[in-house]
Amino acid sequence: MSETEVGKPRVVIATDGACKGNPGIGGWGAILRAANGQERELSGAEAHTTNNRMELMGAIEALNALNKPAKVTLFTDSIYVRDGITKWVHGWMRNGWRTADRKPVKNLDLWQALVEAAARHDVEWRWVKGHAGDPDNERADALANAAIRLGAGRVAQAK
């Protein structure tokens, strides 16, 4: 990976989550691209989940896949993820992981995991409109949906 002037590699990440039913079987996908053009695709599925959990998982797993601190630009089509990590999470943490109206934060386990994963890197969070022709978002969406299909087969076999 190419190094920046401060020694951190630059990485662009595109993530997406999908769910068939909400809740239902869900999948996440991520594309990691280093400055030198090297790419890696990741995906996974869960049998009973929500679209928001899968959006979070895409970002968590992508950041955790980086083996050393990096300067990351992470693209997501989830306003929930982007606003959660850039605007809401600091207040939630100050409030003991409660929202402004004192309700417990939904998906707490994943928000805590995302905070931990992001802390190792210098992350710029960018929103991209989903299903609007962005090539990386479309690829991440395809990975998430392929993971659902593979996961559905495993769930069916396990029954």
C-alpha atoms as a PDB file:
ATOM      1  CA  MET A   1       0.000   0.000   0.000  1.00  0.00           C
ATOM      2  CA  SER A   2       1.154   3.504  -0.747  1.00  0.00           C
ATOM      3  CA  GLU A   3       2.156   5.599   2.240  1.00  0.00           C
ATOM      4  CA  THR A   4       0.988   9.157   2.827  1.00  0.00           C
ATOM      5  CA  GLU A   5       3.271  11.941   3.997  1.00  0.00           C
ATOM      6  CA  VAL A   6       2.547  10.997   7.635  1.00  0.00           C
ATOM      7  CA  GLY A   7       3.210   7.306   7.128  1.00  0.00           C
ATOM      8  CA  LYS A   8      -0.369   6.018   7.079  1.00  0.00           C
ATOM      9  CA  PRO A   9      -1.532   4.116   4.015  1.00  0.00           C
ATOM     10  CA  ARG A  10      -4.495   5.609   2.162  1.00  0.00           C
ATOM     11  CA  VAL A  11      -7.504   3.344   1.698  1.00  0.00           C
ATOM     12  CA  VAL A  12     -10.880   3.951   0.086  1.00  0.00           C
ATOM     13  CA  ILE A  13     -13.706   1.767   1.389  1.00  0.00           C
ATOM     14  CA  ALA A  14     -17.215   1.352  -0.006  1.00  0.00           C
ATOM     15  CA  THR A  15     -19.750  -0.519   2.124  1.00  0.00           C
ATOM     16  CA  ASP A  16     -23.365  -1.580   1.892  1.00  0.00           C
ATOM     17  CA  GLY A  17     -25.876  -3.650   3.790  1.00  0.00           C
ATOM     18  CA  ALA A  18     -29.015  -5.395   2.610  1.00  0.00           C
ATOM     19  CA  CYS A  19     -31.847  -7.307   4.210  1.00  0.00           C
ATOM     20  CA  LYS A  20     -34.596  -9.526   2.808  1.00  0.00           C
ATOM     21  CA  GLY A  21     -37.333  -8.671   5.220  1.00  0.00           C
ATOM     22  CA  ASN A  22     -36.595  -6.256   8.016  1.00  0.00           C
ATOM     23  CA  PRO A  23     -35.889  -8.133  10.169  1.00  0.00           C
ATOM     24  CA  GLY A  24     -34.870 -11.062   8.029  1.00  0.00           C
ATOM     25  CA  ILE A  25     -31.812 -12.607   6.444  1.00  0.00           C
ATOM     26  CA  GLY A  26     -29.253  -9.919   5.771  1.00  0.00           C
ATOM     27  CA  GLY A  27     -25.881  -9.387   4.200  1.00  0.00           C
ATOM     28  CA  TRP A  28     -23.137  -6.814   4.059  1.00  0.00           C
ATOM     29  CA  GLY A  29     -20.453  -6.091   1.506  1.00  0.00           C
ATOM     30  CA  ALA A  30     -17.305  -3.995   1.418  1.00  0.00           C
ATOM     31  CA  ILE A  31     -14.650  -3.054  -1.100  1.00  0.00           C
ATOM     32  CA  LEU A  32     -11.261  -1.883   0.146  1.00  0.00           C
ATOM     33  CA  ARG A  33      -8.969  -0.125  -2.331  1.00  0.00           C
ATOM     34  CA  ALA A  34      -5.417   0.900  -1.494  1.00  0.00           C
ATOM     35  CA  ALA A  35      -3.702   3.877  -3.105  1.00  0.00           C
ATOM     36  CA  ASN A  36      -1.685   1.481  -5.280  1.00  0.00           C
ATOM     37  CA  GLY A  37      -4.908   0.061  -6.771  1.00  0.00           C
ATOM     38  CA  GLN A  38      -4.846  -3.192  -4.798  1.00  0.00           C
ATOM     39  CA  GLU A  39      -8.426  -4.249  -3.965  1.00  0.00           C
ATOM     40  CA  ARG A  40     -10.072  -6.608  -1.538  1.00  0.00           C
ATOM     41  CA  GLU A  41     -13.739  -7.607  -1.338  1.00  0.00           C
ATOM     42  CA  LEU A  42     -15.421  -8.732   1.886  1.00  0.00           C
ATOM     43  CA  SER A  43     -18.935  -9.919   2.649  1.00  0.00           C
ATOM     44  CA  GLY A  44     -20.972 -11.783   5.214  1.00  0.00           C
ATOM     45  CA  ALA A  45     -24.523 -12.682   6.188  1.00  0.00           C
ATOM     46  CA  GLU A  46     -26.697 -13.216   9.245  1.00  0.00           C
ATOM     47  CA  ALA A  47     -29.873 -15.278   9.434  1.00  0.00           C
ATOM     48  CA  HIS A  48     -31.991 -12.851  11.473  1.00  0.00           C
ATOM     49  CA  THR A  49     -31.002  -9.195  11.368  1.00  0.00           C
ATOM     50  CA  THR A  50     -31.970  -5.726  10.132  1.00  0.00           C
ATOM     51  CA  ASN A  51     -30.768  -3.499   7.323  1.00  0.00           C
ATOM     52  CA  ASN A  52     -29.211  -1.053   9.811  1.00  0.00           C
ATOM     53  CA  ARG A  53     -27.228  -3.824  11.489  1.00  0.00           C
ATOM     54  CA  MET A  54     -25.901  -4.953   8.117  1.00  0.00           C
ATOM     55  CA  GLU A  55     -24.927  -1.388   7.167  1.00  0.00           C
ATOM     56  CA  LEU A  56     -22.980  -1.155  10.434  1.00  0.00           C
ATOM     57  CA  MET A  57     -21.373  -4.575   9.920  1.00  0.00           C
ATOM     58  CA  GLY A  58     -20.045  -3.565   6.505  1.00  0.00           C
ATOM     59  CA  ALA A  59     -18.192  -0.610   7.998  1.00  0.00           C
ATOM     60  CA  ILE A  60     -16.981  -2.531  11.063  1.00  0.00           C
ATOM     61  CA  GLU A  61     -15.647  -5.498   9.120  1.00  0.00           C
ATOM     62  CA  ALA A  62     -13.968  -3.297   6.505  1.00  0.00           C
ATOM     63  CA  LEU A  63     -12.167  -1.201   9.118  1.00  0.00           C
ATOM     64  CA  ASN A  64     -11.182  -4.296  11.101  1.00  0.00           C
ATOM     65  CA  ALA A  65      -9.730  -5.867   7.941  1.00  0.00           C
ATOM     66  CA  LEU A  66      -7.046  -3.175   7.785  1.00  0.00           C
ATOM     67  CA  ASN A  67      -3.971  -4.628   9.460  1.00  0.00           C
ATOM     68  CA  LYS A  68      -2.442  -1.271  10.402  1.00  0.00           C
ATOM     69  CA  PRO A  69      -3.683   2.276  10.993  1.00  0.00           C
ATOM     70  CA  ALA A  70      -4.713   3.979   7.765  1.00  0.00           C
ATOM     71  CA  LYS A  71      -6.116   7.207   6.372  1.00  0.00           C
ATOM     72  CA  VAL A  72      -9.537   5.975   5.244  1.00  0.00           C
ATOM     73  CA  THR A  73     -12.259   7.506   3.134  1.00  0.00           C
ATOM     74  CA  LEU A  74     -15.319   5.347   3.818  1.00  0.00           C
ATOM     75  CA  PHE A  75     -18.337   5.632   1.515  1.00  0.00           C
ATOM     76  CA  THR A  76     -21.719   4.430   2.749  1.00  0.00           C
ATOM     77  CA  ASP A  77     -25.233   4.903   1.406  1.00  0.00           C
ATOM     78  CA  SER A  78     -26.528   4.758   4.981  1.00  0.00           C
ATOM     79  CA  ILE A  79     -27.327   8.125   6.530  1.00  0.00           C
ATOM     80  CA  TYR A  80     -27.895   6.135   9.749  1.00  0.00           C
ATOM     81  CA  VAL A  81     -24.244   5.028   9.771  1.00  0.00           C
ATOM     82  CA  ARG A  82     -22.773   8.319   8.563  1.00  0.00           C
ATOM     83  CA  ASP A  83     -24.767  10.537  10.940  1.00  0.00           C
ATOM     84  CA  GLY A  84     -24.515   8.045  13.780  1.00  0.00           C
ATOM     85  CA  ILE A  85     -20.725   7.970  13.756  1.00  0.00           C
ATOM     86  CA  THR A  86     -20.165  11.655  12.901  1.00  0.00           C
ATOM     87  CA  LYS A  87     -22.963  13.397  14.824  1.00  0.00           C
ATOM     88  CA  TRP A  88     -24.803  11.224  17.330  1.00  0.00           C
ATOM     89  CA  VAL A  89     -22.318   8.808  18.897  1.00  0.00           C
ATOM     90  CA  HIS A  90     -20.482  11.404  20.992  1.00  0.00           C
ATOM     91  CA  GLY A  91     -23.726  12.459  22.687  1.00  0.00           C
ATOM     92  CA  TRP A  92     -24.755   8.836  23.159  1.00  0.00           C
ATOM     93  CA  MET A  93     -21.460   8.112  24.889  1.00  0.00           C
ATOM     94  CA  ARG A  94     -21.800  11.167  27.154  1.00  0.00           C
ATOM     95  CA  ASN A  95     -25.351  10.023  28.020  1.00  0.00           C
ATOM     96  CA  GLY A  96     -24.284   6.482  28.938  1.00  0.00           C
ATOM     97  CA  TRP A  97     -25.274   5.127  25.511  1.00  0.00           C
ATOM     98  CA  ARG A  98     -28.712   6.704  25.619  1.00  0.00           C
ATOM     99  CA  THR A  99     -30.323   8.878  22.966  1.00  0.00           C
ATOM    100  CA  ALA A 100     -31.271  12.520  23.499  1.00  0.00           C
ATOM    101  CA  ASP A 101     -34.697  11.356  24.712  1.00  0.00           C
ATOM    102  CA  ARG A 102     -32.979   8.973  27.200  1.00  0.00           C
ATOM    103  CA  LYS A 103     -33.854   5.751  25.337  1.00  0.00           C
ATOM    104  CA  PRO A 104     -31.219   3.029  24.960  1.00  0.00           C
ATOM    105  CA  VAL A 105     -29.274   3.262  21.703  1.00  0.00           C
ATOM    106  CA  LYS A 106     -30.394   0.605  19.222  1.00  0.00           C
ATOM    107  CA  ASN A 107     -27.675  -1.711  17.923  1.00  0.00           C
ATOM    108  CA  LEU A 108     -25.454  -0.728  20.851  1.00  0.00           C
ATOM    109  CA  ASP A 109     -23.104  -3.681  20.376  1.00  0.00           C
ATOM    110  CA  LEU A 110     -22.378  -2.652  16.800  1.00  0.00           C
ATOM    111  CA  TRP A 111     -22.041   1.061  17.532  1.00  0.00           C
ATOM    112  CA  GLN A 112     -19.468   0.237  20.213  1.00  0.00           C
ATOM    113  CA  ALA A 113     -17.647  -2.056  17.782  1.00  0.00           C
ATOM    114  CA  LEU A 114     -17.669   0.662  15.104  1.00  0.00           C
ATOM    115  CA  VAL A 115     -16.275   3.272  17.509  1.00  0.00           C
ATOM    116  CA  GLU A 116     -13.485   0.851  18.433  1.00  0.00           C
ATOM    117  CA  ALA A 117     -12.734  -0.077  14.809  1.00  0.00           C
ATOM    118  CA  ALA A 118     -12.718   3.552  13.643  1.00  0.00           C
ATOM    119  CA  ALA A 119     -10.490   4.723  16.515  1.00  0.00           C
ATOM    120  CA  ARG A 120      -7.477   2.939  15.000  1.00  0.00           C
ATOM    121  CA  HIS A 121      -7.742   4.930  11.781  1.00  0.00           C
ATOM    122  CA  ASP A 122      -8.156   8.466  10.478  1.00  0.00           C
ATOM    123  CA  VAL A 123     -11.604   8.049   8.885  1.00  0.00           C
ATOM    124  CA  GLU A 124     -13.447  10.484   6.652  1.00  0.00           C
ATOM    125  CA  TRP A 125     -17.095   9.373   6.489  1.00  0.00           C
ATOM    126  CA  ARG A 126     -18.775  10.076   3.147  1.00  0.00           C
ATOM    127  CA  TRP A 127     -22.377   9.493   2.113  1.00  0.00           C
ATOM    128  CA  VAL A 128     -23.210   8.340  -1.410  1.00  0.00           C
ATOM    129  CA  LYS A 129     -26.719   7.968  -2.793  1.00  0.00           C
ATOM    130  CA  GLY A 130     -27.562   4.282  -3.038  1.00  0.00           C
ATOM    131  CA  HIS A 131     -28.806   2.641  -6.230  1.00  0.00           C
ATOM    132  CA  ALA A 132     -27.816   5.720  -8.222  1.00  0.00           C
ATOM    133  CA  GLY A 133     -25.074   4.245 -10.389  1.00  0.00           C
ATOM    134  CA  ASP A 134     -22.020   4.762  -8.161  1.00  0.00           C
ATOM    135  CA  PRO A 135     -19.801   1.842  -9.263  1.00  0.00           C
ATOM    136  CA  ASP A 136     -18.337   1.052  -5.840  1.00  0.00           C
ATOM    137  CA  ASN A 137     -21.713   1.306  -4.100  1.00  0.00           C
ATOM    138  CA  GLU A 138     -23.234  -0.994  -6.716  1.00  0.00           C
ATOM    139  CA  ARG A 139     -20.410  -3.515  -6.192  1.00  0.00           C
ATOM    140  CA  ALA A 140     -20.802  -3.389  -2.407  1.00  0.00           C
ATOM    141  CA  ASP A 141     -24.563  -3.873  -2.833  1.00  0.00           C
ATOM    142  CA  ALA A 142     -23.957  -6.864  -5.116  1.00  0.00           C
ATOM    143  CA  LEU A 143     -21.614  -8.387  -2.516  1.00  0.00           C
ATOM    144  CA  ALA A 144     -24.209  -7.894   0.234  1.00  0.00           C
ATOM    145  CA  ASN A 145     -26.945  -9.500  -1.848  1.00  0.00           C
ATOM    146  CA  ALA A 146     -24.691 -12.390  -2.892  1.00  0.00           C
ATOM    147  CA  ALA A 147     -23.935 -12.971   0.800  1.00  0.00           C
ATOM    148  CA  ILE A 148     -27.685 -13.106   1.474  1.00  0.00           C
ATOM    149  CA  ARG A 149     -28.139 -15.737  -1.246  1.00  0.00           C
ATOM    150  CA  LEU A 150     -25.250 -17.810   0.121  1.00  0.00           C
ATOM    151  CA  GLY A 151     -26.470 -17.321   3.688  1.00  0.00           C
ATOM    152  CA  ALA A 152     -30.021 -18.315   2.746  1.00  0.00           C
ATOM    153  CA  GLY A 153     -28.679 -21.568   1.353  1.00  0.00           C
ATOM    154  CA  ARG A 154     -26.819 -22.284   4.580  1.00  0.00           C
ATOM    155  CA  VAL A 155     -29.886 -21.452   6.686  1.00  0.00           C
ATOM    156  CA  ALA A 156     -32.054 -23.733   4.536  1.00  0.00           C
ATOM    157  CA  GLN A 157     -29.510 -26.566   4.832  1.00  0.00           C
ATOM    158  CA  ALA A 158     -29.331 -26.163   8.611  1.00  0.00           C
ATOM    159  CA  LYS A 159     -33.089 -26.645   9.068  1.00  0.00           C
END
